[in-house]
Amino acid sequence: MHSMGQDEFISIHCHFCNKAFHGRYAKYNLKRHFMIHRGEKPFMCPYCSHRANQKGNLKYHILSAHPGQADIKHIERTQSDNKTTKI
């Protein structure tokens, strides 16, 4: 049986919109959520000008908007210093 640790009772809220995050990954999810408020979209589509704040969102975009040329194995994250890092 799984024992509940302290991390599973964590509850934190976004200070911008008051959205609640709970459980073991609350801090991680809140940090990722902040990207929305900051307007960060580090994942760039290699086929058009679309940008996404999460890799999964870019994968969905590529598969739905560019089905014939979708190569999601080479999605890159644009860094602030104009370098890219493969993920």
PDB file of N, CA and C in Angstrom:
ATOM      1  N   MET A   1       0.844  -1.187   0.000  1.00  0.00           N
ATOM      2  CA  MET A   1       0.000   0.000   0.000  1.00  0.00           C
ATOM      3  C   MET A   1       0.885   1.246   0.000  1.00  0.00           C
ATOM      4  N   HIS A   2       0.466   2.246  -0.695  1.00  0.00           N
ATOM      5  CA  HIS A   2       1.212   3.496  -0.813  1.00  0.00           C
ATOM      6  C   HIS A   2       0.991   4.360   0.428  1.00  0.00           C
ATOM      7  N   SER A   3       2.077   4.799   1.029  1.00  0.00           N
ATOM      8  CA  SER A   3       1.930   5.694   2.189  1.00  0.00           C
ATOM      9  C   SER A   3       1.998   7.138   1.719  1.00  0.00           C
ATOM     10  N   MET A   4       1.176   7.973   2.289  1.00  0.00           N
ATOM     11  CA  MET A   4       1.111   9.381   1.920  1.00  0.00           C
ATOM     12  C   MET A   4       2.234  10.142   2.609  1.00  0.00           C
ATOM     13  N   GLY A   5       3.048  10.824   1.829  1.00  0.00           N
ATOM     14  CA  GLY A   5       4.115  11.639   2.385  1.00  0.00           C
ATOM     15  C   GLY A   5       3.672  13.079   2.527  1.00  0.00           C
ATOM     16  N   GLN A   6       4.522  13.881   3.123  1.00  0.00           N
ATOM     17  CA  GLN A   6       4.186  15.301   3.312  1.00  0.00           C
ATOM     18  C   GLN A   6       3.966  16.008   1.989  1.00  0.00           C
ATOM     19  N   ASP A   7       4.730  15.639   0.949  1.00  0.00           N
ATOM     20  CA  ASP A   7       4.623  16.305  -0.346  1.00  0.00           C
ATOM     21  C   ASP A   7       3.230  16.192  -0.953  1.00  0.00           C
ATOM     22  N   GLU A   8       2.511  15.132  -0.637  1.00  0.00           N
ATOM     23  CA  GLU A   8       1.201  14.930  -1.235  1.00  0.00           C
ATOM     24  C   GLU A   8       0.140  15.843  -0.626  1.00  0.00           C
ATOM     25  N   PHE A   9       0.455  16.530   0.457  1.00  0.00           N
ATOM     26  CA  PHE A   9      -0.491  17.435   1.098  1.00  0.00           C
ATOM     27  C   PHE A   9      -0.182  18.909   0.795  1.00  0.00           C
ATOM     28  N   ILE A  10       0.814  19.155  -0.037  1.00  0.00           N
ATOM     29  CA  ILE A  10       1.181  20.523  -0.389  1.00  0.00           C
ATOM     30  C   ILE A  10       0.067  21.150  -1.226  1.00  0.00           C
ATOM     31  N   SER A  11      -0.269  22.375  -0.902  1.00  0.00           N
ATOM     32  CA  SER A  11      -1.235  23.137  -1.668  1.00  0.00           C
ATOM     33  C   SER A  11      -0.708  24.559  -1.774  1.00  0.00           C
ATOM     34  N   ILE A  12      -0.451  25.004  -3.001  1.00  0.00           N
ATOM     35  CA  ILE A  12       0.036  26.373  -3.209  1.00  0.00           C
ATOM     36  C   ILE A  12      -0.809  27.035  -4.291  1.00  0.00           C
ATOM     37  N   HIS A  13      -0.836  28.360  -4.269  1.00  0.00           N
ATOM     38  CA  HIS A  13      -1.663  29.125  -5.203  1.00  0.00           C
ATOM     39  C   HIS A  13      -0.814  30.114  -5.992  1.00  0.00           C
ATOM     40  N   CYS A  14      -1.220  30.333  -7.229  1.00  0.00           N
ATOM     41  CA  CYS A  14      -0.586  31.336  -8.080  1.00  0.00           C
ATOM     42  C   CYS A  14      -0.971  32.713  -7.549  1.00  0.00           C
ATOM     43  N   HIS A  15       0.023  33.586  -7.348  1.00  0.00           N
ATOM     44  CA  HIS A  15      -0.298  34.913  -6.829  1.00  0.00           C
ATOM     45  C   HIS A  15      -0.838  35.852  -7.912  1.00  0.00           C
ATOM     46  N   PHE A  16      -0.829  35.412  -9.186  1.00  0.00           N
ATOM     47  CA  PHE A  16      -1.416  36.207 -10.260  1.00  0.00           C
ATOM     48  C   PHE A  16      -2.913  35.927 -10.423  1.00  0.00           C
ATOM     49  N   CYS A  17      -3.273  34.646 -10.437  1.00  0.00           N
ATOM     50  CA  CYS A  17      -4.662  34.291 -10.747  1.00  0.00           C
ATOM     51  C   CYS A  17      -5.329  33.415  -9.680  1.00  0.00           C
ATOM     52  N   ASN A  18      -4.592  33.072  -8.648  1.00  0.00           N
ATOM     53  CA  ASN A  18      -5.083  32.281  -7.523  1.00  0.00           C
ATOM     54  C   ASN A  18      -5.393  30.822  -7.878  1.00  0.00           C
ATOM     55  N   LYS A  19      -4.902  30.331  -9.024  1.00  0.00           N
ATOM     56  CA  LYS A  19      -5.086  28.930  -9.370  1.00  0.00           C
ATOM     57  C   LYS A  19      -4.349  28.074  -8.342  1.00  0.00           C
ATOM     58  N   ALA A  20      -4.977  26.992  -7.904  1.00  0.00           N
ATOM     59  CA  ALA A  20      -4.399  26.131  -6.872  1.00  0.00           C
ATOM     60  C   ALA A  20      -3.665  24.945  -7.486  1.00  0.00           C
ATOM     61  N   PHE A  21      -2.552  24.585  -6.873  1.00  0.00           N
ATOM     62  CA  PHE A  21      -1.765  23.425  -7.265  1.00  0.00           C
ATOM     63  C   PHE A  21      -1.579  22.564  -6.029  1.00  0.00           C
ATOM     64  N   HIS A  22      -1.822  21.268  -6.180  1.00  0.00           N
ATOM     65  CA  HIS A  22      -1.808  20.365  -5.037  1.00  0.00           C
ATOM     66  C   HIS A  22      -0.885  19.182  -5.306  1.00  0.00           C
ATOM     67  N   GLY A  23      -0.442  18.585  -4.238  1.00  0.00           N
ATOM     68  CA  GLY A  23       0.259  17.315  -4.335  1.00  0.00           C
ATOM     69  C   GLY A  23       1.754  17.418  -4.504  1.00  0.00           C
ATOM     70  N   ARG A  24       2.319  16.279  -4.812  1.00  0.00           N
ATOM     71  CA  ARG A  24       3.766  16.108  -4.892  1.00  0.00           C
ATOM     72  C   ARG A  24       4.436  17.059  -5.876  1.00  0.00           C
ATOM     73  N   TYR A  25       3.783  17.369  -7.000  1.00  0.00           N
ATOM     74  CA  TYR A  25       4.401  18.197  -8.039  1.00  0.00           C
ATOM     75  C   TYR A  25       3.868  19.621  -8.064  1.00  0.00           C
ATOM     76  N   ALA A  26       3.282  20.070  -6.980  1.00  0.00           N
ATOM     77  CA  ALA A  26       2.673  21.398  -6.925  1.00  0.00           C
ATOM     78  C   ALA A  26       3.675  22.502  -7.251  1.00  0.00           C
ATOM     79  N   LYS A  27       4.852  22.462  -6.653  1.00  0.00           N
ATOM     80  CA  LYS A  27       5.845  23.515  -6.902  1.00  0.00           C
ATOM     81  C   LYS A  27       6.292  23.523  -8.357  1.00  0.00           C
ATOM     82  N   TYR A  28       6.536  22.341  -8.912  1.00  0.00           N
ATOM     83  CA  TYR A  28       6.935  22.237 -10.318  1.00  0.00           C
ATOM     84  C   TYR A  28       5.828  22.772 -11.228  1.00  0.00           C
ATOM     85  N   ASN A  29       4.598  22.352 -10.971  1.00  0.00           N
ATOM     86  CA  ASN A  29       3.476  22.780 -11.810  1.00  0.00           C
ATOM     87  C   ASN A  29       3.223  24.280 -11.709  1.00  0.00           C
ATOM     88  N   LEU A  30       3.411  24.852 -10.529  1.00  0.00           N
ATOM     89  CA  LEU A  30       3.257  26.301 -10.373  1.00  0.00           C
ATOM     90  C   LEU A  30       4.340  27.037 -11.154  1.00  0.00           C
ATOM     91  N   LYS A  31       5.560  26.551 -11.076  1.00  0.00           N
ATOM     92  CA  LYS A  31       6.662  27.165 -11.821  1.00  0.00           C
ATOM     93  C   LYS A  31       6.371  27.127 -13.325  1.00  0.00           C
ATOM     94  N   ARG A  32       5.873  26.012 -13.810  1.00  0.00           N
ATOM     95  CA  ARG A  32       5.530  25.876 -15.224  1.00  0.00           C
ATOM     96  C   ARG A  32       4.345  26.777 -15.566  1.00  0.00           C
ATOM     97  N   HIS A  33       3.392  26.901 -14.657  1.00  0.00           N
ATOM     98  CA  HIS A  33       2.219  27.758 -14.847  1.00  0.00           C
ATOM     99  C   HIS A  33       2.612  29.232 -14.974  1.00  0.00           C
ATOM    100  N   PHE A  34       3.627  29.672 -14.233  1.00  0.00           N
ATOM    101  CA  PHE A  34       4.080  31.068 -14.297  1.00  0.00           C
ATOM    102  C   PHE A  34       4.480  31.476 -15.708  1.00  0.00           C
ATOM    103  N   MET A  35       4.912  30.529 -16.527  1.00  0.00           N
ATOM    104  CA  MET A  35       5.290  30.841 -17.908  1.00  0.00           C
ATOM    105  C   MET A  35       4.127  31.479 -18.661  1.00  0.00           C
ATOM    106  N   ILE A  36       2.919  31.081 -18.332  1.00  0.00           N
ATOM    107  CA  ILE A  36       1.735  31.646 -18.985  1.00  0.00           C
ATOM    108  C   ILE A  36       1.633  33.139 -18.680  1.00  0.00           C
ATOM    109  N   HIS A  37       1.797  33.496 -17.404  1.00  0.00           N
ATOM    110  CA  HIS A  37       1.678  34.896 -17.001  1.00  0.00           C
ATOM    111  C   HIS A  37       2.834  35.747 -17.519  1.00  0.00           C
ATOM    112  N   ARG A  38       3.998  35.156 -17.649  1.00  0.00           N
ATOM    113  CA  ARG A  38       5.164  35.898 -18.152  1.00  0.00           C
ATOM    114  C   ARG A  38       5.207  35.937 -19.674  1.00  0.00           C
ATOM    115  N   GLY A  39       4.335  35.191 -20.315  1.00  0.00           N
ATOM    116  CA  GLY A  39       4.287  35.176 -21.774  1.00  0.00           C
ATOM    117  C   GLY A  39       5.426  34.396 -22.412  1.00  0.00           C
ATOM    118  N   GLU A  40       6.074  33.528 -21.659  1.00  0.00           N
ATOM    119  CA  GLU A  40       7.193  32.742 -22.185  1.00  0.00           C
ATOM    120  C   GLU A  40       6.675  31.636 -23.091  1.00  0.00           C
ATOM    121  N   LYS A  41       7.252  31.537 -24.264  1.00  0.00           N
ATOM    122  CA  LYS A  41       6.935  30.466 -25.203  1.00  0.00           C
ATOM    123  C   LYS A  41       8.251  30.009 -25.839  1.00  0.00           C
ATOM    124  N   PRO A  42       9.024  29.221 -25.103  1.00  0.00           N
ATOM    125  CA  PRO A  42      10.364  28.859 -25.565  1.00  0.00           C
ATOM    126  C   PRO A  42      10.416  27.777 -26.647  1.00  0.00           C
ATOM    127  N   PHE A  43       9.299  27.113 -26.942  1.00  0.00           N
ATOM    128  CA  PHE A  43       9.312  26.054 -27.946  1.00  0.00           C
ATOM    129  C   PHE A  43       8.789  26.592 -29.278  1.00  0.00           C
ATOM    130  N   MET A  44       9.625  26.538 -30.305  1.00  0.00           N
ATOM    131  CA  MET A  44       9.323  27.135 -31.599  1.00  0.00           C
ATOM    132  C   MET A  44       9.060  26.056 -32.647  1.00  0.00           C
ATOM    133  N   CYS A  45       8.001  26.216 -33.398  1.00  0.00           N
ATOM    134  CA  CYS A  45       7.672  25.279 -34.461  1.00  0.00           C
ATOM    135  C   CYS A  45       8.686  25.429 -35.596  1.00  0.00           C
ATOM    136  N   PRO A  46       9.250  24.318 -36.076  1.00  0.00           N
ATOM    137  CA  PRO A  46      10.216  24.400 -37.174  1.00  0.00           C
ATOM    138  C   PRO A  46       9.566  24.637 -38.534  1.00  0.00           C
ATOM    139  N   TYR A  47       8.229  24.606 -38.609  1.00  0.00           N
ATOM    140  CA  TYR A  47       7.527  24.728 -39.877  1.00  0.00           C
ATOM    141  C   TYR A  47       6.782  26.043 -40.061  1.00  0.00           C
ATOM    142  N   CYS A  48       6.551  26.779 -38.971  1.00  0.00           N
ATOM    143  CA  CYS A  48       5.839  28.058 -39.061  1.00  0.00           C
ATOM    144  C   CYS A  48       6.248  28.936 -37.877  1.00  0.00           C
ATOM    145  N   SER A  49       5.587  30.029 -37.680  1.00  0.00           N
ATOM    146  CA  SER A  49       5.974  30.973 -36.627  1.00  0.00           C
ATOM    147  C   SER A  49       5.328  30.673 -35.269  1.00  0.00           C
ATOM    148  N   HIS A  50       4.600  29.580 -35.158  1.00  0.00           N
ATOM    149  CA  HIS A  50       3.941  29.228 -33.893  1.00  0.00           C
ATOM    150  C   HIS A  50       4.966  28.944 -32.795  1.00  0.00           C
ATOM    151  N   ARG A  51       4.654  29.412 -31.592  1.00  0.00           N
ATOM    152  CA  ARG A  51       5.488  29.140 -30.422  1.00  0.00           C
ATOM    153  C   ARG A  51       4.594  28.601 -29.314  1.00  0.00           C
ATOM    154  N   ALA A  52       5.181  27.789 -28.431  1.00  0.00           N
ATOM    155  CA  ALA A  52       4.406  27.177 -27.346  1.00  0.00           C
ATOM    156  C   ALA A  52       5.168  27.282 -26.038  1.00  0.00           C
ATOM    157  N   ASN A  53       4.423  27.250 -24.930  1.00  0.00           N
ATOM    158  CA  ASN A  53       5.077  27.336 -23.626  1.00  0.00           C
ATOM    159  C   ASN A  53       5.440  25.965 -23.073  1.00  0.00           C
ATOM    160  N   GLN A  54       4.939  24.889 -23.688  1.00  0.00           N
ATOM    161  CA  GLN A  54       5.270  23.543 -23.247  1.00  0.00           C
ATOM    162  C   GLN A  54       5.536  22.658 -24.458  1.00  0.00           C
ATOM    163  N   LYS A  55       6.461  21.730 -24.288  1.00  0.00           N
ATOM    164  CA  LYS A  55       6.836  20.829 -25.369  1.00  0.00           C
ATOM    165  C   LYS A  55       5.632  20.029 -25.872  1.00  0.00           C
ATOM    166  N   GLY A  56       4.807  19.569 -24.967  1.00  0.00           N
ATOM    167  CA  GLY A  56       3.626  18.791 -25.358  1.00  0.00           C
ATOM    168  C   GLY A  56       2.663  19.595 -26.216  1.00  0.00           C
ATOM    169  N   ASN A  57       2.517  20.879 -25.912  1.00  0.00           N
ATOM    170  CA  ASN A  57       1.645  21.745 -26.715  1.00  0.00           C
ATOM    171  C   ASN A  57       2.203  21.918 -28.123  1.00  0.00           C
ATOM    172  N   LEU A  58       3.529  22.025 -28.243  1.00  0.00           N
ATOM    173  CA  LEU A  58       4.137  22.146 -29.566  1.00  0.00           C
ATOM    174  C   LEU A  58       3.982  20.845 -30.342  1.00  0.00           C
ATOM    175  N   LYS A  59       4.140  19.710 -29.688  1.00  0.00           N
ATOM    176  CA  LYS A  59       3.948  18.418 -30.358  1.00  0.00           C
ATOM    177  C   LYS A  59       2.533  18.327 -30.922  1.00  0.00           C
ATOM    178  N   TYR A  60       1.549  18.726 -30.119  1.00  0.00           N
ATOM    179  CA  TYR A  60       0.157  18.703 -30.568  1.00  0.00           C
ATOM    180  C   TYR A  60      -0.017  19.616 -31.779  1.00  0.00           C
ATOM    181  N   HIS A  61       0.551  20.818 -31.728  1.00  0.00           N
ATOM    182  CA  HIS A  61       0.464  21.760 -32.844  1.00  0.00           C
ATOM    183  C   HIS A  61       1.051  21.153 -34.107  1.00  0.00           C
ATOM    184  N   ILE A  62       2.246  20.592 -34.005  1.00  0.00           N
ATOM    185  CA  ILE A  62       2.916  20.032 -35.179  1.00  0.00           C
ATOM    186  C   ILE A  62       2.097  18.889 -35.777  1.00  0.00           C
ATOM    187  N   LEU A  63       1.609  17.996 -34.929  1.00  0.00           N
ATOM    188  CA  LEU A  63       0.848  16.860 -35.435  1.00  0.00           C
ATOM    189  C   LEU A  63      -0.478  17.274 -36.067  1.00  0.00           C
ATOM    190  N   SER A  64      -1.091  18.344 -35.569  1.00  0.00           N
ATOM    191  CA  SER A  64      -2.385  18.763 -36.125  1.00  0.00           C
ATOM    192  C   SER A  64      -2.245  19.767 -37.267  1.00  0.00           C
ATOM    193  N   ALA A  65      -1.279  20.655 -37.222  1.00  0.00           N
ATOM    194  CA  ALA A  65      -1.139  21.695 -38.249  1.00  0.00           C
ATOM    195  C   ALA A  65      -0.209  21.286 -39.394  1.00  0.00           C
ATOM    196  N   HIS A  66       0.692  20.355 -39.134  1.00  0.00           N
ATOM    197  CA  HIS A  66       1.669  19.938 -40.147  1.00  0.00           C
ATOM    198  C   HIS A  66       1.755  18.410 -40.210  1.00  0.00           C
ATOM    199  N   PRO A  67       0.641  17.725 -40.462  1.00  0.00           N
ATOM    200  CA  PRO A  67       0.635  16.265 -40.363  1.00  0.00           C
ATOM    201  C   PRO A  67       1.555  15.551 -41.352  1.00  0.00           C
ATOM    202  N   GLY A  68       1.747  16.102 -42.520  1.00  0.00           N
ATOM    203  CA  GLY A  68       2.587  15.447 -43.523  1.00  0.00           C
ATOM    204  C   GLY A  68       4.072  15.603 -43.290  1.00  0.00           C
ATOM    205  N   GLN A  69       4.455  16.579 -42.521  1.00  0.00           N
ATOM    206  CA  GLN A  69       5.876  16.844 -42.305  1.00  0.00           C
ATOM    207  C   GLN A  69       6.272  16.781 -40.842  1.00  0.00           C
ATOM    208  N   ALA A  70       5.403  16.198 -40.022  1.00  0.00           N
ATOM    209  CA  ALA A  70       5.633  16.176 -38.580  1.00  0.00           C
ATOM    210  C   ALA A  70       6.816  15.302 -38.191  1.00  0.00           C
ATOM    211  N   ASP A  71       7.873  15.945 -37.699  1.00  0.00           N
ATOM    212  CA  ASP A  71       9.039  15.254 -37.144  1.00  0.00           C
ATOM    213  C   ASP A  71       9.217  15.789 -35.735  1.00  0.00           C
ATOM    214  N   ILE A  72       8.504  15.196 -34.788  1.00  0.00           N
ATOM    215  CA  ILE A  72       8.502  15.716 -33.425  1.00  0.00           C
ATOM    216  C   ILE A  72       9.707  15.260 -32.614  1.00  0.00           C
ATOM    217  N   LYS A  73      10.589  14.488 -33.211  1.00  0.00           N
ATOM    218  CA  LYS A  73      11.774  14.019 -32.493  1.00  0.00           C
ATOM    219  C   LYS A  73      12.804  15.130 -32.319  1.00  0.00           C
ATOM    220  N   HIS A  74      12.701  16.186 -33.104  1.00  0.00           N
ATOM    221  CA  HIS A  74      13.710  17.231 -33.076  1.00  0.00           C
ATOM    222  C   HIS A  74      13.164  18.572 -32.610  1.00  0.00           C
ATOM    223  N   ILE A  75      12.285  18.544 -31.645  1.00  0.00           N
ATOM    224  CA  ILE A  75      11.740  19.779 -31.090  1.00  0.00           C
ATOM    225  C   ILE A  75      12.818  20.442 -30.251  1.00  0.00           C
ATOM    226  N   GLU A  76      12.997  21.717 -30.448  1.00  0.00           N
ATOM    227  CA  GLU A  76      14.027  22.450 -29.729  1.00  0.00           C
ATOM    228  C   GLU A  76      13.425  23.561 -28.894  1.00  0.00           C
ATOM    229  N   ARG A  77      14.101  23.854 -27.795  1.00  0.00           N
ATOM    230  CA  ARG A  77      13.689  24.935 -26.910  1.00  0.00           C
ATOM    231  C   ARG A  77      14.600  26.114 -27.180  1.00  0.00           C
ATOM    232  N   THR A  78      14.030  27.261 -27.502  1.00  0.00           N
ATOM    233  CA  THR A  78      14.807  28.458 -27.756  1.00  0.00           C
ATOM    234  C   THR A  78      15.227  29.074 -26.434  1.00  0.00           C
ATOM    235  N   GLN A  79      16.513  29.323 -26.282  1.00  0.00           N
ATOM    236  CA  GLN A  79      17.035  29.928 -25.066  1.00  0.00           C
ATOM    237  C   GLN A  79      17.028  31.448 -25.223  1.00  0.00           C
ATOM    238  N   SER A  80      17.102  32.161 -24.121  1.00  0.00           N
ATOM    239  CA  SER A  80      17.048  33.617 -24.155  1.00  0.00           C
ATOM    240  C   SER A  80      18.247  34.231 -24.878  1.00  0.00           C
ATOM    241  N   ASP A  81      19.358  33.483 -24.960  1.00  0.00           N
ATOM    242  CA  ASP A  81      20.534  34.015 -25.643  1.00  0.00           C
ATOM    243  C   ASP A  81      20.571  33.569 -27.108  1.00  0.00           C
ATOM    244  N   ASN A  82      19.399  33.229 -27.668  1.00  0.00           N
ATOM    245  CA  ASN A  82      19.237  32.837 -29.065  1.00  0.00           C
ATOM    246  C   ASN A  82      19.895  31.512 -29.422  1.00  0.00           C
ATOM    247  N   LYS A  83      20.305  30.728 -28.446  1.00  0.00           N
ATOM    248  CA  LYS A  83      20.803  29.393 -28.708  1.00  0.00           C
ATOM    249  C   LYS A  83      19.630  28.443 -28.569  1.00  0.00           C
ATOM    250  N   THR A  84      19.751  27.263 -29.122  1.00  0.00           N
ATOM    251  CA  THR A  84      18.700  26.264 -28.950  1.00  0.00           C
ATOM    252  C   THR A  84      19.301  25.026 -28.315  1.00  0.00           C
ATOM    253  N   THR A  85      18.474  24.345 -27.579  1.00  0.00           N
ATOM    254  CA  THR A  85      18.864  23.125 -26.908  1.00  0.00           C
ATOM    255  C   THR A  85      17.873  22.042 -27.280  1.00  0.00           C
ATOM    256  N   LYS A  86      18.354  20.908 -27.775  1.00  0.00           N
ATOM    257  CA  LYS A  86      17.450  19.809 -28.103  1.00  0.00           C
ATOM    258  C   LYS A  86      16.924  19.202 -26.833  1.00  0.00           C
ATOM    259  N   ILE A  87      15.656  18.844 -26.868  1.00  0.00           N
ATOM    260  CA  ILE A  87      15.022  18.254 -25.694  1.00  0.00           C
ATOM    261  C   ILE A  87      14.650  16.821 -25.997  1.00  0.00           C
TER     262      ILE A  87
END
